[in-house]
């Protein structure tokens, strides 16, 4: 019975440490329009408790925001759309741009406290600071 109490106390202490570590750093997410055909990118990014609103980015422009990431709880995603004037089709996708799931936050390893995303004709890319390269993380769907 006593060891059960020690385990619960240890877990509570671990949770308190993780929350305090997560809240001590601010994270920034950038979404950049690198569509090669010079198309506008329409984006709507949000989390469960923050709606960042709809924005339109011209080629070369970016949008970014800052937040405090908490282990297990922080999740931002973006709905992105663009019109290909050559094929006359809309392309869209919904992409996670930051998600801390579990006790290990993979985005800290991928991009530290600044995540760079690039919307391109061939997909949605994350700059992996740990590997020093752009990595394709999502595909567009044609409407």
N, C-alpha and C. Protein backbone atom coordinates (compact mmCIF):
# COMPACT_ATOMS: atom_id res chain seq x y z
N UNK A 1 0.83 -1.20 0.00
CA UNK A 1 0.00 0.00 0.00
C UNK A 1 0.87 1.26 0.00
N UNK A 2 1.97 1.20 0.78
CA UNK A 2 2.84 2.36 0.86
C UNK A 2 3.53 2.61 -0.48
N UNK A 3 3.96 1.55 -1.17
CA UNK A 3 4.62 1.73 -2.46
C UNK A 3 3.66 2.31 -3.50
N UNK A 4 2.38 1.99 -3.40
CA UNK A 4 1.38 2.55 -4.29
C UNK A 4 1.31 4.08 -4.12
N UNK A 5 1.36 4.53 -2.89
CA UNK A 5 1.36 5.97 -2.61
C UNK A 5 2.62 6.64 -3.14
N UNK A 6 3.76 5.96 -3.04
CA UNK A 6 5.01 6.51 -3.57
C UNK A 6 4.96 6.64 -5.09
N UNK A 7 4.36 5.66 -5.74
CA UNK A 7 4.24 5.71 -7.20
C UNK A 7 3.36 6.88 -7.62
N UNK A 8 2.24 7.05 -6.94
CA UNK A 8 1.34 8.16 -7.27
C UNK A 8 2.03 9.50 -7.02
N UNK A 9 2.73 9.63 -5.90
CA UNK A 9 3.46 10.86 -5.61
C UNK A 9 4.51 11.12 -6.69
N UNK A 10 5.24 10.09 -7.10
CA UNK A 10 6.27 10.25 -8.12
C UNK A 10 5.67 10.68 -9.46
N UNK A 11 4.54 10.11 -9.82
CA UNK A 11 3.88 10.50 -11.06
C UNK A 11 3.39 11.94 -11.02
N UNK A 12 2.83 12.35 -9.90
CA UNK A 12 2.39 13.75 -9.76
C UNK A 12 3.57 14.70 -9.83
N UNK A 13 4.67 14.34 -9.20
CA UNK A 13 5.87 15.16 -9.25
C UNK A 13 6.40 15.25 -10.68
N UNK A 14 6.42 14.14 -11.39
CA UNK A 14 6.86 14.13 -12.78
C UNK A 14 5.97 15.03 -13.65
N UNK A 15 4.67 14.94 -13.46
CA UNK A 15 3.74 15.79 -14.22
C UNK A 15 3.98 17.27 -13.93
N UNK A 16 4.20 17.61 -12.68
CA UNK A 16 4.47 19.01 -12.32
C UNK A 16 5.75 19.51 -12.98
N UNK A 17 6.77 18.67 -13.01
CA UNK A 17 8.03 19.06 -13.64
C UNK A 17 7.84 19.25 -15.14
N UNK A 18 7.13 18.33 -15.79
CA UNK A 18 6.91 18.43 -17.23
C UNK A 18 6.11 19.67 -17.60
N UNK A 19 5.08 19.96 -16.83
CA UNK A 19 4.28 21.16 -17.11
C UNK A 19 5.10 22.41 -16.91
N UNK A 20 5.91 22.46 -15.87
CA UNK A 20 6.73 23.65 -15.64
C UNK A 20 7.78 23.79 -16.73
N UNK A 21 8.36 22.70 -17.21
CA UNK A 21 9.33 22.77 -18.30
C UNK A 21 8.66 23.23 -19.59
N UNK A 22 7.49 22.69 -19.87
CA UNK A 22 6.79 23.07 -21.08
C UNK A 22 6.38 24.52 -21.08
N UNK A 23 6.04 25.05 -19.94
CA UNK A 23 5.55 26.42 -19.88
C UNK A 23 6.67 27.45 -19.81
N UNK A 24 7.92 27.02 -19.64
CA UNK A 24 9.00 27.98 -19.49
C UNK A 24 9.55 28.47 -20.83
N UNK A 25 9.23 27.79 -21.92
CA UNK A 25 9.73 28.18 -23.24
C UNK A 25 8.57 28.54 -24.15
N UNK A 26 8.80 29.55 -24.97
CA UNK A 26 7.82 29.89 -26.00
C UNK A 26 8.25 29.22 -27.29
N UNK A 27 7.27 28.75 -28.01
CA UNK A 27 7.52 28.11 -29.30
C UNK A 27 6.90 28.98 -30.38
N UNK A 28 7.56 29.05 -31.52
CA UNK A 28 7.05 29.83 -32.65
C UNK A 28 6.88 28.89 -33.85
N UNK A 29 5.73 29.00 -34.51
CA UNK A 29 5.46 28.25 -35.73
C UNK A 29 5.34 29.24 -36.88
N UNK A 30 6.06 28.97 -37.97
CA UNK A 30 5.99 29.77 -39.20
C UNK A 30 5.35 28.92 -40.29
N UNK A 31 4.44 29.51 -41.05
CA UNK A 31 3.91 28.88 -42.26
C UNK A 31 4.24 29.82 -43.41
N UNK A 32 4.98 29.31 -44.40
CA UNK A 32 5.45 30.13 -45.51
C UNK A 32 4.82 29.67 -46.82
N UNK A 33 4.51 30.63 -47.68
CA UNK A 33 3.98 30.32 -49.01
C UNK A 33 5.14 30.27 -49.99
N UNK A 34 5.49 29.07 -50.41
CA UNK A 34 6.53 28.86 -51.43
C UNK A 34 5.93 28.15 -52.65
N UNK A 35 4.67 28.45 -52.96
CA UNK A 35 4.03 27.85 -54.13
C UNK A 35 4.72 28.39 -55.38
N UNK A 36 5.28 27.51 -56.17
CA UNK A 36 6.12 27.89 -57.30
C UNK A 36 5.37 28.60 -58.41
N UNK A 37 4.07 28.39 -58.52
CA UNK A 37 3.29 29.02 -59.60
C UNK A 37 2.74 30.39 -59.18
N UNK A 38 3.27 30.94 -58.10
CA UNK A 38 2.88 32.27 -57.62
C UNK A 38 1.40 32.35 -57.27
N UNK A 39 0.90 31.31 -56.61
CA UNK A 39 -0.50 31.25 -56.20
C UNK A 39 -0.64 31.73 -54.76
N UNK A 40 -1.78 32.33 -54.44
CA UNK A 40 -2.07 32.73 -53.07
C UNK A 40 -2.41 31.49 -52.24
N UNK A 41 -2.01 31.52 -50.98
CA UNK A 41 -2.29 30.43 -50.04
C UNK A 41 -3.28 30.94 -49.00
N UNK A 42 -4.39 30.24 -48.86
CA UNK A 42 -5.39 30.58 -47.86
C UNK A 42 -5.22 29.62 -46.69
N UNK A 43 -5.14 30.18 -45.49
CA UNK A 43 -4.88 29.33 -44.33
C UNK A 43 -5.78 29.69 -43.17
N UNK A 44 -6.11 28.67 -42.39
CA UNK A 44 -6.88 28.85 -41.16
C UNK A 44 -6.26 27.91 -40.13
N UNK A 45 -5.56 28.49 -39.16
CA UNK A 45 -4.85 27.70 -38.15
C UNK A 45 -5.52 27.87 -36.80
N UNK A 46 -5.46 26.80 -36.00
CA UNK A 46 -6.11 26.84 -34.68
C UNK A 46 -5.62 25.70 -33.81
N UNK A 47 -5.98 25.82 -32.54
CA UNK A 47 -5.78 24.75 -31.56
C UNK A 47 -7.14 24.51 -30.93
N UNK A 48 -7.16 23.68 -29.91
CA UNK A 48 -8.44 23.41 -29.24
C UNK A 48 -8.97 24.63 -28.49
N UNK A 49 -8.07 25.55 -28.11
CA UNK A 49 -8.54 26.73 -27.37
C UNK A 49 -8.17 28.06 -28.02
N UNK A 50 -7.51 28.04 -29.17
CA UNK A 50 -7.15 29.28 -29.88
C UNK A 50 -7.50 29.14 -31.35
N UNK A 51 -8.26 30.10 -31.87
CA UNK A 51 -8.53 30.17 -33.31
C UNK A 51 -7.77 31.38 -33.83
N UNK A 52 -6.80 31.14 -34.70
CA UNK A 52 -5.94 32.22 -35.19
C UNK A 52 -6.55 32.97 -36.37
N UNK A 53 -7.72 32.54 -36.82
CA UNK A 53 -8.40 33.23 -37.90
C UNK A 53 -7.90 32.82 -39.27
N UNK A 54 -8.58 33.33 -40.28
CA UNK A 54 -8.22 33.03 -41.67
C UNK A 54 -7.28 34.09 -42.19
N UNK A 55 -6.32 33.64 -42.99
CA UNK A 55 -5.34 34.56 -43.57
C UNK A 55 -5.07 34.16 -45.01
N UNK A 56 -4.59 35.12 -45.77
CA UNK A 56 -4.17 34.86 -47.14
C UNK A 56 -2.72 35.29 -47.26
N UNK A 57 -1.89 34.39 -47.77
CA UNK A 57 -0.47 34.68 -47.95
C UNK A 57 -0.13 34.69 -49.43
N UNK A 58 0.50 35.75 -49.87
CA UNK A 58 1.02 35.78 -51.23
C UNK A 58 2.35 35.02 -51.25
N UNK A 59 2.83 34.69 -52.43
CA UNK A 59 4.09 33.96 -52.54
C UNK A 59 5.20 34.74 -51.85
N UNK A 60 5.97 34.05 -51.03
CA UNK A 60 7.07 34.67 -50.31
C UNK A 60 6.68 35.20 -48.94
N UNK A 61 5.39 35.30 -48.66
CA UNK A 61 4.94 35.78 -47.35
C UNK A 61 4.84 34.62 -46.37
N UNK A 62 4.80 34.99 -45.09
CA UNK A 62 4.64 33.98 -44.05
C UNK A 62 3.74 34.51 -42.95
N UNK A 63 3.21 33.59 -42.20
CA UNK A 63 2.45 33.91 -40.99
C UNK A 63 3.10 33.13 -39.86
N UNK A 64 3.13 33.73 -38.67
CA UNK A 64 3.70 33.00 -37.54
C UNK A 64 2.98 33.40 -36.27
N UNK A 65 3.11 32.54 -35.26
CA UNK A 65 2.53 32.80 -33.95
C UNK A 65 3.38 32.11 -32.90
N UNK A 66 3.27 32.63 -31.67
CA UNK A 66 4.00 32.10 -30.52
C UNK A 66 3.03 31.52 -29.51
N UNK A 67 3.50 30.53 -28.76
CA UNK A 67 2.69 29.93 -27.71
C UNK A 67 3.61 29.20 -26.74
N UNK A 68 3.06 28.88 -25.59
CA UNK A 68 3.76 28.04 -24.63
C UNK A 68 3.26 26.62 -24.81
N UNK A 69 4.19 25.72 -25.09
CA UNK A 69 3.82 24.32 -25.34
C UNK A 69 3.79 23.55 -24.03
N UNK A 70 2.71 22.84 -23.81
CA UNK A 70 2.56 22.00 -22.63
C UNK A 70 2.57 20.54 -23.05
N UNK A 71 3.35 19.70 -22.38
CA UNK A 71 3.37 18.28 -22.73
C UNK A 71 1.97 17.68 -22.66
N UNK A 72 1.65 16.86 -23.61
CA UNK A 72 0.39 16.13 -23.73
C UNK A 72 -0.78 16.98 -24.23
N UNK A 73 -0.68 18.30 -24.18
CA UNK A 73 -1.86 19.12 -24.42
C UNK A 73 -1.80 20.03 -25.64
N UNK A 74 -0.64 20.37 -26.16
CA UNK A 74 -0.54 21.39 -27.19
C UNK A 74 -0.68 20.77 -28.58
N UNK A 75 -1.65 21.28 -29.34
CA UNK A 75 -1.90 20.78 -30.69
C UNK A 75 -2.39 21.93 -31.55
N UNK A 76 -1.63 22.30 -32.57
CA UNK A 76 -2.03 23.28 -33.56
C UNK A 76 -2.09 22.61 -34.92
N UNK A 77 -3.10 22.94 -35.70
CA UNK A 77 -3.20 22.43 -37.06
C UNK A 77 -3.70 23.54 -37.96
N UNK A 78 -3.46 23.38 -39.26
CA UNK A 78 -3.86 24.39 -40.24
C UNK A 78 -4.60 23.74 -41.40
N UNK A 79 -5.69 24.38 -41.81
CA UNK A 79 -6.37 24.05 -43.06
C UNK A 79 -5.80 24.99 -44.11
N UNK A 80 -5.25 24.43 -45.18
CA UNK A 80 -4.61 25.22 -46.24
C UNK A 80 -5.30 24.94 -47.57
N UNK A 81 -5.45 26.00 -48.39
CA UNK A 81 -6.05 25.87 -49.72
C UNK A 81 -5.33 26.80 -50.69
N UNK A 82 -5.26 26.36 -51.92
CA UNK A 82 -4.74 27.22 -52.98
C UNK A 82 -5.33 26.77 -54.32
N UNK A 83 -5.43 27.73 -55.24
CA UNK A 83 -6.01 27.47 -56.55
C UNK A 83 -4.90 27.44 -57.58
N UNK A 84 -4.83 26.34 -58.31
CA UNK A 84 -3.84 26.20 -59.37
C UNK A 84 -4.45 26.75 -60.66
N UNK A 85 -4.01 27.93 -61.07
CA UNK A 85 -4.60 28.58 -62.24
C UNK A 85 -4.27 27.85 -63.54
N UNK A 86 -3.25 27.01 -63.53
CA UNK A 86 -2.91 26.25 -64.73
C UNK A 86 -3.88 25.08 -64.92
N UNK A 87 -4.14 24.30 -63.85
CA UNK A 87 -5.03 23.14 -63.95
C UNK A 87 -6.49 23.48 -63.63
N UNK A 88 -6.71 24.67 -63.10
CA UNK A 88 -8.05 25.13 -62.69
C UNK A 88 -8.66 24.24 -61.62
N UNK A 89 -7.84 23.81 -60.66
CA UNK A 89 -8.30 23.01 -59.53
C UNK A 89 -7.90 23.68 -58.22
N UNK A 90 -8.74 23.50 -57.22
CA UNK A 90 -8.39 23.86 -55.86
C UNK A 90 -7.67 22.68 -55.23
N UNK A 91 -6.66 22.98 -54.43
CA UNK A 91 -5.94 21.96 -53.67
C UNK A 91 -6.03 22.33 -52.20
N UNK A 92 -6.18 21.34 -51.34
CA UNK A 92 -6.30 21.63 -49.91
C UNK A 92 -5.67 20.53 -49.09
N UNK A 93 -5.50 20.83 -47.82
CA UNK A 93 -5.00 19.85 -46.87
C UNK A 93 -5.13 20.38 -45.46
N UNK A 94 -5.24 19.48 -44.51
CA UNK A 94 -5.24 19.81 -43.09
C UNK A 94 -4.01 19.15 -42.50
N UNK A 95 -3.15 19.97 -41.88
CA UNK A 95 -1.85 19.49 -41.43
C UNK A 95 -1.60 19.87 -39.97
N UNK A 96 -1.08 18.93 -39.20
CA UNK A 96 -0.59 19.25 -37.86
C UNK A 96 0.69 20.05 -38.02
N UNK A 97 0.75 21.23 -37.39
CA UNK A 97 1.98 22.02 -37.44
C UNK A 97 2.72 21.99 -36.10
N UNK A 98 2.04 21.54 -35.05
CA UNK A 98 2.69 21.33 -33.76
C UNK A 98 1.79 20.42 -32.93
N UNK A 99 2.38 19.37 -32.38
CA UNK A 99 1.58 18.46 -31.56
C UNK A 99 2.49 17.79 -30.54
N UNK A 100 2.18 18.00 -29.27
CA UNK A 100 2.92 17.30 -28.22
C UNK A 100 2.04 16.17 -27.72
N UNK A 101 2.41 14.96 -28.08
CA UNK A 101 1.66 13.78 -27.66
C UNK A 101 2.59 12.88 -26.88
N UNK A 102 2.15 12.45 -25.74
CA UNK A 102 2.99 11.61 -24.90
C UNK A 102 3.99 12.44 -24.13
N UNK A 103 4.86 11.77 -23.44
CA UNK A 103 5.85 12.46 -22.62
C UNK A 103 7.01 12.99 -23.44
N UNK A 104 7.19 12.45 -24.65
CA UNK A 104 8.27 12.92 -25.51
C UNK A 104 7.67 13.76 -26.62
N UNK A 105 8.10 15.00 -26.74
CA UNK A 105 7.59 15.90 -27.75
C UNK A 105 8.50 15.82 -28.97
N UNK A 106 8.03 15.16 -30.03
CA UNK A 106 8.88 14.97 -31.20
C UNK A 106 9.21 16.28 -31.90
N UNK A 107 8.34 17.30 -31.78
CA UNK A 107 8.62 18.56 -32.46
C UNK A 107 9.81 19.29 -31.86
N UNK A 108 10.09 19.08 -30.58
CA UNK A 108 11.29 19.68 -29.99
C UNK A 108 12.52 19.12 -30.70
N UNK A 109 12.53 17.82 -30.96
CA UNK A 109 13.64 17.21 -31.68
C UNK A 109 13.71 17.66 -33.13
N UNK A 110 12.55 17.82 -33.77
CA UNK A 110 12.52 18.20 -35.18
C UNK A 110 12.94 19.65 -35.40
N UNK A 111 12.39 20.54 -34.58
CA UNK A 111 12.58 21.96 -34.90
C UNK A 111 12.91 22.84 -33.70
N UNK A 112 13.20 22.27 -32.56
CA UNK A 112 13.51 23.08 -31.39
C UNK A 112 12.28 23.88 -30.98
N UNK A 113 12.46 25.17 -30.77
CA UNK A 113 11.35 26.03 -30.37
C UNK A 113 10.91 26.96 -31.50
N UNK A 114 11.32 26.61 -32.73
CA UNK A 114 10.90 27.39 -33.90
C UNK A 114 10.69 26.44 -35.07
N UNK A 115 9.42 26.20 -35.40
CA UNK A 115 9.07 25.26 -36.47
C UNK A 115 8.78 26.02 -37.75
N UNK A 116 9.47 25.66 -38.82
CA UNK A 116 9.31 26.31 -40.12
C UNK A 116 8.60 25.34 -41.06
N UNK A 117 7.46 25.80 -41.61
CA UNK A 117 6.68 25.01 -42.56
C UNK A 117 6.64 25.74 -43.89
N UNK A 118 6.66 24.98 -44.98
CA UNK A 118 6.66 25.54 -46.32
C UNK A 118 5.58 24.86 -47.17
N UNK A 119 4.66 25.68 -47.70
CA UNK A 119 3.64 25.17 -48.63
C UNK A 119 4.22 25.27 -50.04
N UNK A 120 4.31 24.13 -50.72
CA UNK A 120 4.85 24.06 -52.08
C UNK A 120 3.88 23.28 -52.96
N UNK A 121 4.06 23.37 -54.27
CA UNK A 121 3.17 22.66 -55.19
C UNK A 121 3.13 21.16 -54.89
N UNK A 122 4.25 20.58 -54.51
CA UNK A 122 4.34 19.13 -54.32
C UNK A 122 3.92 18.67 -52.93
N UNK A 123 3.63 19.60 -52.02
CA UNK A 123 3.21 19.19 -50.69
C UNK A 123 3.55 20.22 -49.62
N UNK A 124 3.45 19.78 -48.38
CA UNK A 124 3.68 20.62 -47.20
C UNK A 124 4.93 20.09 -46.51
N UNK A 125 5.90 20.97 -46.26
CA UNK A 125 7.23 20.57 -45.80
C UNK A 125 7.57 21.19 -44.45
N UNK A 126 8.28 20.43 -43.64
CA UNK A 126 8.82 20.88 -42.35
C UNK A 126 10.33 20.95 -42.46
N UNK A 127 10.92 22.05 -41.98
CA UNK A 127 12.38 22.13 -41.93
C UNK A 127 12.85 21.41 -40.68
N UNK A 128 13.56 20.30 -40.87
CA UNK A 128 14.08 19.50 -39.76
C UNK A 128 15.44 20.06 -39.35
N UNK A 129 15.47 20.81 -38.25
CA UNK A 129 16.73 21.36 -37.77
C UNK A 129 17.69 20.26 -37.35
N UNK A 130 17.14 19.15 -36.84
CA UNK A 130 18.00 18.06 -36.40
C UNK A 130 18.72 17.39 -37.58
N UNK A 131 18.14 17.46 -38.78
CA UNK A 131 18.76 16.85 -39.96
C UNK A 131 19.21 17.89 -40.98
N UNK A 132 18.93 19.17 -40.72
CA UNK A 132 19.31 20.29 -41.60
C UNK A 132 18.76 20.12 -43.02
N UNK A 133 17.46 19.75 -43.12
CA UNK A 133 16.86 19.61 -44.45
C UNK A 133 15.35 19.74 -44.36
N UNK A 134 14.73 20.03 -45.51
CA UNK A 134 13.28 20.08 -45.61
C UNK A 134 12.76 18.66 -45.80
N UNK A 135 11.68 18.33 -45.08
CA UNK A 135 11.08 17.00 -45.16
C UNK A 135 9.61 17.14 -45.53
N UNK A 136 9.19 16.41 -46.55
CA UNK A 136 7.79 16.44 -46.96
C UNK A 136 6.95 15.74 -45.90
N UNK A 137 5.92 16.46 -45.40
CA UNK A 137 5.09 15.92 -44.32
C UNK A 137 3.63 15.76 -44.71
N UNK A 138 3.26 16.19 -45.90
CA UNK A 138 1.86 16.07 -46.29
C UNK A 138 1.64 16.29 -47.78
N UNK A 139 0.55 15.73 -48.27
CA UNK A 139 0.15 15.83 -49.68
C UNK A 139 -1.09 16.71 -49.80
N UNK A 140 -1.24 17.33 -50.95
CA UNK A 140 -2.45 18.09 -51.25
C UNK A 140 -3.52 17.15 -51.80
N UNK A 141 -4.78 17.49 -51.54
CA UNK A 141 -5.92 16.80 -52.14
C UNK A 141 -6.57 17.75 -53.14
N UNK A 142 -6.87 17.25 -54.32
CA UNK A 142 -7.56 18.07 -55.33
C UNK A 142 -9.05 18.05 -55.04
N UNK A 143 -9.69 19.21 -55.18
CA UNK A 143 -11.15 19.30 -54.99
C UNK A 143 -11.86 19.04 -56.29
